[in-house]
Protein backbone atom coordinates (compact mmCIF):
# COMPACT_ATOMS: atom_id res chain seq x y z
CA UNK A 1 -21.61 10.41 -6.33
CA UNK A 2 -21.95 8.84 -2.98
CA UNK A 3 -20.60 5.54 -1.57
CA UNK A 4 -22.61 3.10 0.58
CA UNK A 5 -21.60 0.18 2.52
CA UNK A 6 -22.87 -2.03 -0.40
CA UNK A 7 -20.15 -0.59 -2.45
CA UNK A 8 -17.33 -2.02 -0.09
CA UNK A 9 -18.85 -5.66 0.32
CA UNK A 10 -16.63 -7.30 -2.32
CA UNK A 11 -13.67 -5.83 -0.29
CA UNK A 12 -14.79 -6.76 3.28
CA UNK A 13 -15.03 -10.60 2.57
CA UNK A 14 -12.37 -12.62 4.53
CA UNK A 15 -9.66 -14.12 2.65
CA UNK A 16 -8.91 -17.68 3.44
CA UNK A 17 -5.05 -17.09 3.13
CA UNK A 18 -5.11 -14.57 5.86
CA UNK A 19 -3.94 -15.42 9.48
CA UNK A 20 -6.63 -14.12 11.77
CA UNK A 21 -4.27 -14.34 14.73
CA UNK A 22 -1.71 -12.07 12.91
CA UNK A 23 -1.95 -8.41 14.23
CA UNK A 24 -2.93 -5.99 11.61
CA UNK A 25 0.23 -4.01 11.93
CA UNK A 26 2.36 -7.19 11.38
CA UNK A 27 0.31 -8.13 8.38
CA UNK A 28 0.68 -4.93 6.75
CA UNK A 29 4.57 -4.94 7.59
CA UNK A 30 4.66 -8.06 5.47
CA UNK A 31 3.29 -6.11 2.44
CA UNK A 32 5.51 -3.11 2.88
CA UNK A 33 8.56 -2.30 0.64
CA UNK A 34 11.60 -0.46 1.68
CA UNK A 35 12.68 2.00 -0.92
CA UNK A 36 15.73 4.08 -0.58
CA UNK A 37 15.99 6.99 -2.83
CA UNK A 38 18.58 9.82 -3.06
CA UNK A 39 16.10 12.83 -3.54
CA UNK A 40 18.95 15.25 -4.59
CA UNK A 41 20.13 12.86 -7.30
CA UNK A 42 16.54 12.27 -8.54
CA UNK A 43 15.98 16.10 -8.74
CA UNK A 44 19.16 16.46 -10.71
CA UNK A 45 18.17 13.77 -12.94
CA UNK A 46 14.91 15.41 -13.71
CA UNK A 47 16.44 18.70 -14.33
CA UNK A 48 18.91 17.24 -16.71
CA UNK A 49 15.98 15.51 -18.73
CA UNK A 50 14.23 19.07 -19.09
């Protein structure tokens, strides 16, 4: 299987809701989600389920 630029044309179209003056990093930051997880507690929870 191979991919060509034609495979991505629908994803390369400009979105009218996007602000072209906003830097990409700031735009991605708006989409980011902060997740705080206690890894030790999660591992213990999984072990208890097994």
